Amino acid sequence: MDFFNSQYITESTRNDIRFGLIDDGLLARSTTKDEDRWLAEINNSQGKEIQFIPVDHNIKIFDGQNERSMCDGMLYDHEKTWIAFVEMKEQISEWMRDARKQLESTINSFRDCHDIRLFKFRFAYAANRKHPHFQFSQKQVMQEFYNQYKFRLLFQNNIDVK
């Protein structure tokens, strides 16, 4: 399975300094419009060519009869040195755990077919517009995630392109 295969819906590259991600329940997408609907904000201060691929409902992977739960989308730069998987939530309870599980599933699937070492900067974002501030530290969870998957897990809405 090749996440970069042209058979999947892929947005055109963009080099906007700032844009957002929206998930209407079908395919997540990037946009510079409708800021009030952004679930995550992308800060691309260097104006790099960024590619967004919706993952959930687009790249389908099955375990037997069951479809794997995947994160909402994947961002990467044109040189493929930076990659970020993004799961967006709008719920209050259990959202961190749910987002982490979807990111884990997606990253495991990605690692099965791609050499992650090609990407110098690897991130997994769990974004929640309704709950952007956290009352307790997630350092242990974040460190365990990095140790297992070699992706830096961040619970935040702002995504900085490296």
Protein backbone atom coordinates (compact mmCIF):
# COMPACT_ATOMS: atom_id res chain seq x y z
CA MET A 1 0.00 0.00 0.00
CA ASP A 2 1.43 3.34 -1.08
CA PHE A 3 -0.03 6.35 0.73
CA PHE A 4 1.35 8.57 -2.06
CA ASN A 5 -0.34 6.61 -4.87
CA SER A 6 -2.23 8.77 -7.36
CA GLN A 7 -5.30 6.52 -7.00
CA TYR A 8 -6.09 8.39 -3.76
CA ILE A 9 -7.72 11.79 -3.59
CA THR A 10 -4.93 14.30 -3.13
CA GLU A 11 -5.20 18.06 -2.94
CA SER A 12 -3.02 20.32 -5.05
CA THR A 13 0.11 21.50 -3.27
CA ARG A 14 -0.19 24.84 -1.54
CA ASN A 15 2.34 27.32 -0.22
CA ASP A 16 0.04 29.56 1.81
CA ILE A 17 1.65 31.02 4.92
CA ARG A 18 -1.47 30.15 6.92
CA PHE A 19 -4.37 27.81 6.23
CA GLY A 20 -6.72 25.52 8.09
CA LEU A 21 -8.06 21.99 8.07
CA ILE A 22 -11.77 21.23 8.05
CA ASP A 23 -13.53 17.89 8.47
CA ASP A 24 -17.16 17.82 7.36
CA GLY A 25 -17.48 14.11 8.08
CA LEU A 26 -16.63 12.93 4.58
CA LEU A 27 -13.10 13.90 3.54
CA ALA A 28 -11.00 16.33 5.52
CA ARG A 29 -9.68 19.23 3.46
CA SER A 30 -7.43 22.25 3.67
CA THR A 31 -8.63 25.79 3.03
CA THR A 32 -7.77 29.45 3.48
CA LYS A 33 -11.49 30.28 3.87
CA ASP A 34 -14.07 29.66 6.61
CA GLU A 35 -11.66 30.25 9.52
CA ASP A 36 -14.49 29.77 12.00
CA ARG A 37 -14.70 26.13 10.85
CA TRP A 38 -10.98 25.33 11.08
CA LEU A 39 -10.26 22.43 13.41
CA ALA A 40 -6.50 22.85 12.99
CA GLU A 41 -4.40 25.78 11.80
CA ILE A 42 -1.29 25.29 9.68
CA ASN A 43 1.52 27.83 10.04
CA ASN A 44 3.81 27.65 7.02
CA SER A 45 6.04 30.67 7.70
CA GLN A 46 8.58 29.70 5.03
CA GLY A 47 5.93 29.27 2.34
CA LYS A 48 6.98 25.68 1.59
CA GLU A 49 5.06 23.58 -0.93
CA ILE A 50 2.74 21.53 1.30
CA GLN A 51 0.64 18.56 0.23
CA PHE A 52 -2.51 17.49 2.07
CA ILE A 53 -3.99 14.04 1.59
CA PRO A 54 -7.23 13.13 3.34
CA VAL A 55 -6.65 9.71 4.87
CA ASP A 56 -9.93 8.70 6.55
CA HIS A 57 -12.53 7.61 3.94
CA ASN A 58 -9.83 7.81 1.24
CA ILE A 59 -7.01 5.38 2.04
CA LYS A 60 -8.79 2.23 3.17
CA ILE A 61 -6.93 -0.59 4.86
CA PHE A 62 -8.61 -3.76 6.06
CA ASP A 63 -7.80 -6.25 8.80
CA GLY A 64 -9.71 -9.21 7.44
CA GLN A 65 -13.29 -7.94 7.07
CA ASN A 66 -12.81 -4.86 9.25
CA GLU A 67 -11.66 -1.48 7.99
CA ARG A 68 -8.92 0.10 10.11
CA SER A 69 -9.71 3.33 11.87
CA MET A 70 -7.51 6.02 10.31
CA CYS A 71 -6.69 9.63 11.15
CA ASP A 72 -8.25 12.48 9.19
CA GLY A 73 -5.30 13.55 7.10
CA MET A 74 -1.63 13.73 6.27
CA LEU A 75 0.49 16.79 5.47
CA TYR A 76 4.01 16.72 4.07
CA ASP A 77 6.41 19.07 2.36
CA HIS A 78 7.38 18.77 -1.29
CA GLU A 79 10.90 17.56 -0.38
CA LYS A 80 9.40 14.93 1.95
CA THR A 81 11.55 15.96 4.92
CA TRP A 82 8.55 16.86 7.12
CA ILE A 83 5.37 14.85 7.67
CA ALA A 84 2.42 15.28 10.00
CA PHE A 85 -0.58 13.04 10.57
CA VAL A 86 -3.60 14.89 11.95
CA GLU A 87 -6.67 13.68 13.81
CA MET A 88 -9.30 16.34 14.48
CA LYS A 89 -11.92 16.07 17.20
CA GLU A 90 -14.77 18.21 18.47
CA GLN A 91 -15.81 16.10 21.44
CA ILE A 92 -15.00 16.81 25.09
CA SER A 93 -14.66 13.39 26.72
CA GLU A 94 -12.21 10.65 25.75
CA TRP A 95 -11.03 12.62 22.72
CA MET A 96 -7.30 12.34 23.48
CA ARG A 97 -7.44 8.57 23.76
CA ASP A 98 -9.59 8.22 20.65
CA ALA A 99 -7.36 10.54 18.61
CA ARG A 100 -4.21 8.75 19.76
CA LYS A 101 -5.62 5.35 18.71
CA GLN A 102 -6.49 6.63 15.23
CA LEU A 103 -3.03 8.18 14.85
CA GLU A 104 -1.39 4.92 16.01
CA SER A 105 -3.40 2.88 13.51
CA THR A 106 -2.53 5.22 10.64
CA ILE A 107 1.16 5.44 11.52
CA ASN A 108 1.41 1.65 11.82
CA SER A 109 -0.13 1.29 8.36
CA PHE A 110 2.17 3.96 6.95
CA ARG A 111 5.27 2.36 8.49
CA ASP A 112 4.32 -1.01 6.98
CA CYS A 113 4.92 0.40 3.50
CA HIS A 114 7.16 3.46 3.84
CA ASP A 115 10.58 4.14 5.33
CA ILE A 116 9.85 6.82 7.93
CA ARG A 117 13.56 7.59 8.24
CA LEU A 118 13.29 9.50 4.94
CA PHE A 119 11.37 12.18 6.88
CA LYS A 120 13.60 14.13 9.25
CA PHE A 121 10.66 15.71 11.07
CA ARG A 122 7.76 13.39 11.99
CA PHE A 123 4.68 14.57 13.88
CA ALA A 124 1.27 13.29 14.94
CA TYR A 125 -1.26 15.95 15.94
CA ALA A 126 -4.41 15.42 17.96
CA ALA A 127 -6.36 18.65 17.49
CA ASN A 128 -9.56 19.64 19.26
CA ARG A 129 -11.10 23.05 18.63
CA LYS A 130 -13.52 22.68 21.55
CA HIS A 131 -10.83 21.70 24.04
CA PRO A 132 -7.56 23.42 23.01
CA HIS A 133 -6.18 23.80 26.57
CA PHE A 134 -5.29 20.82 28.72
CA GLN A 135 -5.54 20.56 32.49
CA PHE A 136 -2.78 18.00 32.91
CA SER A 137 0.49 17.06 31.31
CA GLN A 138 0.67 14.42 28.61
CA LYS A 139 4.48 14.14 28.71
CA GLN A 140 4.54 10.44 29.58
CA VAL A 141 2.02 9.54 26.86
CA MET A 142 3.92 11.67 24.36
CA GLN A 143 7.26 10.07 25.25
CA GLU A 144 5.82 6.54 25.04
CA PHE A 145 4.31 7.39 21.65
CA TYR A 146 7.65 8.64 20.36
CA ASN A 147 9.51 5.60 21.71
CA GLN A 148 7.11 3.24 19.96
CA TYR A 149 6.37 5.03 16.67
CA LYS A 150 9.24 7.57 16.23
CA PHE A 151 6.68 10.34 15.68
CA ARG A 152 6.33 13.28 18.04
CA LEU A 153 2.76 13.35 19.40
CA LEU A 154 1.29 16.79 20.11
CA PHE A 155 -2.12 17.64 21.53
CA GLN A 156 -2.70 21.03 19.93
CA ASN A 157 -4.53 22.83 17.14
CA ASN A 158 -1.56 24.77 15.73
CA ILE A 159 0.67 22.88 13.32
CA ASP A 160 4.01 24.45 12.42
CA VAL A 161 5.61 23.32 9.18
CA LYS A 162 9.31 22.53 9.72
